[in-house]
Amino acid sequence: MCFKPDAPKIPDAPAVPDADAEAAKSRRANEMAAAEQQQGRAATIITTPLGAQDYGKNLKRTTIGGM
């Protein structure tokens, strides 16, 4: 004979909020605003519609030491 204990009862999952609920809409709006603020300076670099004009060119830059 094999005695197996009964499996513990698993509680029901909490209810999922409706996607159209006002709390869900305000939470998503707050998350989007926070994500926009986290982008920082990289999101504000502005170039011309043609992009960076000197991209790919070998520019002669001054160096420390004169080499």
PDB file of N, CA and C in Angstrom:
ATOM      1  N   MET A   1       0.820  -1.174   0.000  1.00  0.00           N
ATOM      2  CA  MET A   1       0.000   0.000   0.000  1.00  0.00           C
ATOM      3  C   MET A   1       0.867   1.243   0.000  1.00  0.00           C
ATOM      4  N   CYS A   2       0.371   2.243  -0.721  1.00  0.00           N
ATOM      5  CA  CYS A   2       1.114   3.494  -0.812  1.00  0.00           C
ATOM      6  C   CYS A   2       0.225   4.614  -0.305  1.00  0.00           C
ATOM      7  N   PHE A   3       0.707   5.320   0.653  1.00  0.00           N
ATOM      8  CA  PHE A   3      -0.058   6.440   1.204  1.00  0.00           C
ATOM      9  C   PHE A   3       0.476   7.741   0.624  1.00  0.00           C
ATOM     10  N   LYS A   4      -0.358   8.422  -0.145  1.00  0.00           N
ATOM     11  CA  LYS A   4       0.022   9.712  -0.734  1.00  0.00           C
ATOM     12  C   LYS A   4      -0.757  10.807  -0.025  1.00  0.00           C
ATOM     13  N   PRO A   5      -0.060  11.826   0.425  1.00  0.00           N
ATOM     14  CA  PRO A   5      -0.801  12.944   1.016  1.00  0.00           C
ATOM     15  C   PRO A   5      -1.526  13.717  -0.095  1.00  0.00           C
ATOM     16  N   ASP A   6      -2.630  14.314   0.257  1.00  0.00           N
ATOM     17  CA  ASP A   6      -3.362  15.118  -0.714  1.00  0.00           C
ATOM     18  C   ASP A   6      -2.539  16.345  -1.091  1.00  0.00           C
ATOM     19  N   ALA A   7      -2.647  16.744  -2.352  1.00  0.00           N
ATOM     20  CA  ALA A   7      -1.937  17.924  -2.828  1.00  0.00           C
ATOM     21  C   ALA A   7      -2.540  19.162  -2.165  1.00  0.00           C
ATOM     22  N   PRO A   8      -1.693  20.131  -1.814  1.00  0.00           N
ATOM     23  CA  PRO A   8      -2.249  21.345  -1.181  1.00  0.00           C
ATOM     24  C   PRO A   8      -3.135  22.095  -2.174  1.00  0.00           C
ATOM     25  N   LYS A   9      -4.144  22.726  -1.659  1.00  0.00           N
ATOM     26  CA  LYS A   9      -5.065  23.482  -2.504  1.00  0.00           C
ATOM     27  C   LYS A   9      -4.379  24.775  -2.944  1.00  0.00           C
ATOM     28  N   ILE A  10      -4.454  25.061  -4.215  1.00  0.00           N
ATOM     29  CA  ILE A  10      -3.855  26.268  -4.779  1.00  0.00           C
ATOM     30  C   ILE A  10      -4.926  27.353  -4.784  1.00  0.00           C
ATOM     31  N   PRO A  11      -4.616  28.507  -4.220  1.00  0.00           N
ATOM     32  CA  PRO A  11      -5.627  29.570  -4.203  1.00  0.00           C
ATOM     33  C   PRO A  11      -5.887  30.087  -5.621  1.00  0.00           C
ATOM     34  N   ASP A  12      -7.083  30.614  -5.839  1.00  0.00           N
ATOM     35  CA  ASP A  12      -7.437  31.162  -7.137  1.00  0.00           C
ATOM     36  C   ASP A  12      -6.590  32.397  -7.431  1.00  0.00           C
ATOM     37  N   ALA A  13      -6.305  32.592  -8.697  1.00  0.00           N
ATOM     38  CA  ALA A  13      -5.524  33.758  -9.118  1.00  0.00           C
ATOM     39  C   ALA A  13      -6.359  35.020  -8.937  1.00  0.00           C
ATOM     40  N   PRO A  14      -5.702  36.136  -8.647  1.00  0.00           N
ATOM     41  CA  PRO A  14      -6.463  37.386  -8.520  1.00  0.00           C
ATOM     42  C   PRO A  14      -7.058  37.783  -9.867  1.00  0.00           C
ATOM     43  N   ALA A  15      -8.127  38.513  -9.836  1.00  0.00           N
ATOM     44  CA  ALA A  15      -8.801  38.922 -11.059  1.00  0.00           C
ATOM     45  C   ALA A  15      -7.922  39.881 -11.856  1.00  0.00           C
ATOM     46  N   VAL A  16      -7.923  39.712 -13.156  1.00  0.00           N
ATOM     47  CA  VAL A  16      -7.150  40.573 -14.042  1.00  0.00           C
ATOM     48  C   VAL A  16      -7.984  41.822 -14.315  1.00  0.00           C
ATOM     49  N   PRO A  17      -7.408  43.013 -14.144  1.00  0.00           N
ATOM     50  CA  PRO A  17      -8.197  44.223 -14.385  1.00  0.00           C
ATOM     51  C   PRO A  17      -8.560  44.358 -15.861  1.00  0.00           C
ATOM     52  N   ASP A  18      -9.690  44.931 -16.113  1.00  0.00           N
ATOM     53  CA  ASP A  18     -10.154  45.153 -17.475  1.00  0.00           C
ATOM     54  C   ASP A  18      -9.238  46.162 -18.160  1.00  0.00           C
ATOM     55  N   ALA A  19      -8.954  45.945 -19.450  1.00  0.00           N
ATOM     56  CA  ALA A  19      -8.036  46.837 -20.174  1.00  0.00           C
ATOM     57  C   ALA A  19      -8.624  48.227 -20.346  1.00  0.00           C
ATOM     58  N   ASP A  20      -9.940  48.351 -20.280  1.00  0.00           N
ATOM     59  CA  ASP A  20     -10.578  49.643 -20.471  1.00  0.00           C
ATOM     60  C   ASP A  20     -10.836  50.372 -19.158  1.00  0.00           C
ATOM     61  N   ALA A  21     -10.412  49.789 -18.060  1.00  0.00           N
ATOM     62  CA  ALA A  21     -10.661  50.411 -16.761  1.00  0.00           C
ATOM     63  C   ALA A  21      -9.870  51.718 -16.651  1.00  0.00           C
ATOM     64  N   GLU A  22     -10.415  52.673 -15.941  1.00  0.00           N
ATOM     65  CA  GLU A  22      -9.757  53.970 -15.802  1.00  0.00           C
ATOM     66  C   GLU A  22      -8.405  53.848 -15.100  1.00  0.00           C
ATOM     67  N   ALA A  23      -8.322  52.966 -14.117  1.00  0.00           N
ATOM     68  CA  ALA A  23      -7.047  52.791 -13.414  1.00  0.00           C
ATOM     69  C   ALA A  23      -5.978  52.252 -14.360  1.00  0.00           C
ATOM     70  N   ALA A  24      -6.372  51.338 -15.249  1.00  0.00           N
ATOM     71  CA  ALA A  24      -5.419  50.769 -16.197  1.00  0.00           C
ATOM     72  C   ALA A  24      -4.970  51.824 -17.201  1.00  0.00           C
ATOM     73  N   LYS A  25      -5.910  52.654 -17.651  1.00  0.00           N
ATOM     74  CA  LYS A  25      -5.551  53.704 -18.604  1.00  0.00           C
ATOM     75  C   LYS A  25      -4.598  54.713 -17.993  1.00  0.00           C
ATOM     76  N   SER A  26      -4.858  55.111 -16.766  1.00  0.00           N
ATOM     77  CA  SER A  26      -3.974  56.088 -16.129  1.00  0.00           C
ATOM     78  C   SER A  26      -2.608  55.479 -15.832  1.00  0.00           C
ATOM     79  N   ARG A  27      -2.568  54.196 -15.472  1.00  0.00           N
ATOM     80  CA  ARG A  27      -1.288  53.531 -15.208  1.00  0.00           C
ATOM     81  C   ARG A  27      -0.462  53.460 -16.481  1.00  0.00           C
ATOM     82  N   ARG A  28      -1.115  53.099 -17.616  1.00  0.00           N
ATOM     83  CA  ARG A  28      -0.382  53.037 -18.880  1.00  0.00           C
ATOM     84  C   ARG A  28       0.121  54.410 -19.298  1.00  0.00           C
ATOM     85  N   ALA A  29      -0.670  55.445 -19.064  1.00  0.00           N
ATOM     86  CA  ALA A  29      -0.242  56.805 -19.401  1.00  0.00           C
ATOM     87  C   ALA A  29       0.957  57.213 -18.551  1.00  0.00           C
ATOM     88  N   ASN A  30       0.935  56.864 -17.278  1.00  0.00           N
ATOM     89  CA  ASN A  30       2.076  57.180 -16.395  1.00  0.00           C
ATOM     90  C   ASN A  30       3.317  56.418 -16.818  1.00  0.00           C
ATOM     91  N   GLU A  31       3.157  55.149 -17.229  1.00  0.00           N
ATOM     92  CA  GLU A  31       4.309  54.359 -17.667  1.00  0.00           C
ATOM     93  C   GLU A  31       4.899  54.934 -18.946  1.00  0.00           C
ATOM     94  N   MET A  32       4.043  55.381 -19.874  1.00  0.00           N
ATOM     95  CA  MET A  32       4.539  55.958 -21.118  1.00  0.00           C
ATOM     96  C   MET A  32       5.276  57.271 -20.854  1.00  0.00           C
ATOM     97  N   ALA A  33       4.749  58.077 -19.940  1.00  0.00           N
ATOM     98  CA  ALA A  33       5.419  59.338 -19.607  1.00  0.00           C
ATOM     99  C   ALA A  33       6.768  59.079 -18.960  1.00  0.00           C
ATOM    100  N   ALA A  34       6.843  58.075 -18.093  1.00  0.00           N
ATOM    101  CA  ALA A  34       8.111  57.742 -17.447  1.00  0.00           C
ATOM    102  C   ALA A  34       9.116  57.228 -18.474  1.00  0.00           C
ATOM    103  N   ALA A  35       8.658  56.437 -19.443  1.00  0.00           N
ATOM    104  CA  ALA A  35       9.557  55.918 -20.474  1.00  0.00           C
ATOM    105  C   ALA A  35      10.099  57.042 -21.343  1.00  0.00           C
ATOM    106  N   GLU A  36       9.260  58.037 -21.655  1.00  0.00           N
ATOM    107  CA  GLU A  36       9.722  59.175 -22.452  1.00  0.00           C
ATOM    108  C   GLU A  36      10.772  59.981 -21.697  1.00  0.00           C
ATOM    109  N   GLN A  37      10.613  60.127 -20.396  1.00  0.00           N
ATOM    110  CA  GLN A  37      11.578  60.883 -19.606  1.00  0.00           C
ATOM    111  C   GLN A  37      12.892  60.133 -19.452  1.00  0.00           C
ATOM    112  N   GLN A  38      12.861  58.815 -19.510  1.00  0.00           N
ATOM    113  CA  GLN A  38      14.086  58.032 -19.337  1.00  0.00           C
ATOM    114  C   GLN A  38      14.941  58.020 -20.588  1.00  0.00           C
ATOM    115  N   GLN A  39      14.390  58.400 -21.746  1.00  0.00           N
ATOM    116  CA  GLN A  39      15.188  58.396 -22.966  1.00  0.00           C
ATOM    117  C   GLN A  39      16.323  59.405 -22.891  1.00  0.00           C
ATOM    118  N   GLY A  40      16.093  60.516 -22.248  1.00  0.00           N
ATOM    119  CA  GLY A  40      17.150  61.484 -21.991  1.00  0.00           C
ATOM    120  C   GLY A  40      17.714  62.165 -23.213  1.00  0.00           C
ATOM    121  N   ARG A  41      18.992  62.505 -23.146  1.00  0.00           N
ATOM    122  CA  ARG A  41      19.647  63.314 -24.166  1.00  0.00           C
ATOM    123  C   ARG A  41      19.700  62.616 -25.519  1.00  0.00           C
ATOM    124  N   ALA A  42      19.797  61.316 -25.558  1.00  0.00           N
ATOM    125  CA  ALA A  42      19.906  60.611 -26.827  1.00  0.00           C
ATOM    126  C   ALA A  42      18.688  60.854 -27.709  1.00  0.00           C
ATOM    127  N   ALA A  43      17.548  61.123 -27.102  1.00  0.00           N
ATOM    128  CA  ALA A  43      16.336  61.349 -27.871  1.00  0.00           C
ATOM    129  C   ALA A  43      16.250  62.786 -28.387  1.00  0.00           C
ATOM    130  N   THR A  44      17.131  63.657 -27.962  1.00  0.00           N
ATOM    131  CA  THR A  44      17.038  65.059 -28.355  1.00  0.00           C
ATOM    132  C   THR A  44      18.115  65.495 -29.335  1.00  0.00           C
ATOM    133  N   ILE A  45      18.933  64.593 -29.821  1.00  0.00           N
ATOM    134  CA  ILE A  45      19.961  64.957 -30.794  1.00  0.00           C
ATOM    135  C   ILE A  45      19.270  65.176 -32.134  1.00  0.00           C
ATOM    136  N   ILE A  46      19.394  66.381 -32.662  1.00  0.00           N
ATOM    137  CA  ILE A  46      18.670  66.745 -33.869  1.00  0.00           C
ATOM    138  C   ILE A  46      19.667  66.903 -35.009  1.00  0.00           C
ATOM    139  N   THR A  47      19.381  66.271 -36.133  1.00  0.00           N
ATOM    140  CA  THR A  47      20.193  66.426 -37.331  1.00  0.00           C
ATOM    141  C   THR A  47      19.280  66.906 -38.453  1.00  0.00           C
ATOM    142  N   THR A  48      19.855  67.147 -39.616  1.00  0.00           N
ATOM    143  CA  THR A  48      19.057  67.565 -40.764  1.00  0.00           C
ATOM    144  C   THR A  48      18.260  66.371 -41.287  1.00  0.00           C
ATOM    145  N   PRO A  49      17.287  66.600 -42.156  1.00  0.00           N
ATOM    146  CA  PRO A  49      16.547  65.471 -42.736  1.00  0.00           C
ATOM    147  C   PRO A  49      17.450  64.508 -43.515  1.00  0.00           C
ATOM    148  N   LEU A  50      18.603  64.999 -43.953  1.00  0.00           N
ATOM    149  CA  LEU A  50      19.538  64.149 -44.685  1.00  0.00           C
ATOM    150  C   LEU A  50      20.461  63.376 -43.749  1.00  0.00           C
ATOM    151  N   GLY A  51      20.363  63.601 -42.466  1.00  0.00           N
ATOM    152  CA  GLY A  51      21.226  62.923 -41.509  1.00  0.00           C
ATOM    153  C   GLY A  51      22.490  63.721 -41.253  1.00  0.00           C
ATOM    154  N   ALA A  52      23.440  63.103 -40.623  1.00  0.00           N
ATOM    155  CA  ALA A  52      24.709  63.772 -40.340  1.00  0.00           C
ATOM    156  C   ALA A  52      25.481  63.899 -41.645  1.00  0.00           C
ATOM    157  N   GLN A  53      25.854  65.115 -41.993  1.00  0.00           N
ATOM    158  CA  GLN A  53      26.511  65.365 -43.278  1.00  0.00           C
ATOM    159  C   GLN A  53      27.940  64.837 -43.326  1.00  0.00           C
ATOM    160  N   ASP A  54      28.593  64.702 -42.172  1.00  0.00           N
ATOM    161  CA  ASP A  54      29.980  64.257 -42.171  1.00  0.00           C
ATOM    162  C   ASP A  54      30.111  62.769 -41.841  1.00  0.00           C
ATOM    163  N   TYR A  55      29.031  62.024 -41.896  1.00  0.00           N
ATOM    164  CA  TYR A  55      29.087  60.598 -41.569  1.00  0.00           C
ATOM    165  C   TYR A  55      29.912  59.850 -42.613  1.00  0.00           C
ATOM    166  N   GLY A  56      30.859  59.068 -42.168  1.00  0.00           N
ATOM    167  CA  GLY A  56      31.671  58.254 -43.054  1.00  0.00           C
ATOM    168  C   GLY A  56      32.873  58.967 -43.653  1.00  0.00           C
ATOM    169  N   LYS A  57      33.009  60.252 -43.453  1.00  0.00           N
ATOM    170  CA  LYS A  57      34.159  60.971 -43.990  1.00  0.00           C
ATOM    171  C   LYS A  57      35.312  60.874 -43.008  1.00  0.00           C
ATOM    172  N   ASN A  58      36.500  60.822 -43.538  1.00  0.00           N
ATOM    173  CA  ASN A  58      37.701  60.782 -42.712  1.00  0.00           C
ATOM    174  C   ASN A  58      38.065  62.220 -42.371  1.00  0.00           C
ATOM    175  N   LEU A  59      37.649  62.668 -41.216  1.00  0.00           N
ATOM    176  CA  LEU A  59      37.908  64.041 -40.812  1.00  0.00           C
ATOM    177  C   LEU A  59      39.244  64.112 -40.105  1.00  0.00           C
ATOM    178  N   LYS A  60      40.012  65.135 -40.430  1.00  0.00           N
ATOM    179  CA  LYS A  60      41.298  65.320 -39.772  1.00  0.00           C
ATOM    180  C   LYS A  60      41.055  66.071 -38.494  1.00  0.00           C
ATOM    181  N   ARG A  61      41.346  65.453 -37.390  1.00  0.00           N
ATOM    182  CA  ARG A  61      41.113  66.055 -36.078  1.00  0.00           C
ATOM    183  C   ARG A  61      42.463  66.369 -35.426  1.00  0.00           C
ATOM    184  N   THR A  62      42.496  67.434 -34.680  1.00  0.00           N
ATOM    185  CA  THR A  62      43.715  67.767 -33.975  1.00  0.00           C
ATOM    186  C   THR A  62      43.863  66.826 -32.780  1.00  0.00           C
ATOM    187  N   THR A  63      45.083  66.463 -32.498  1.00  0.00           N
ATOM    188  CA  THR A  63      45.350  65.557 -31.396  1.00  0.00           C
ATOM    189  C   THR A  63      46.277  66.217 -30.402  1.00  0.00           C
ATOM    190  N   ILE A  64      46.267  65.701 -29.220  1.00  0.00           N
ATOM    191  CA  ILE A  64      47.175  66.199 -28.201  1.00  0.00           C
ATOM    192  C   ILE A  64      48.560  65.617 -28.493  1.00  0.00           C
ATOM    193  N   GLY A  65      49.550  66.414 -28.552  1.00  0.00           N
ATOM    194  CA  GLY A  65      50.893  65.943 -28.821  1.00  0.00           C
ATOM    195  C   GLY A  65      51.329  66.222 -30.237  1.00  0.00           C
ATOM    196  N   GLY A  66      50.440  66.660 -31.092  1.00  0.00           N
ATOM    197  CA  GLY A  66      50.798  67.074 -32.438  1.00  0.00           C
ATOM    198  C   GLY A  66      51.082  65.923 -33.388  1.00  0.00           C
ATOM    199  N   MET A  67      50.673  64.746 -33.120  1.00  0.00           N
ATOM    200  CA  MET A  67      50.951  63.635 -34.046  1.00  0.00           C
ATOM    201  C   MET A  67      49.830  63.432 -35.026  1.00  0.00           C
TER     202      MET A  67
END
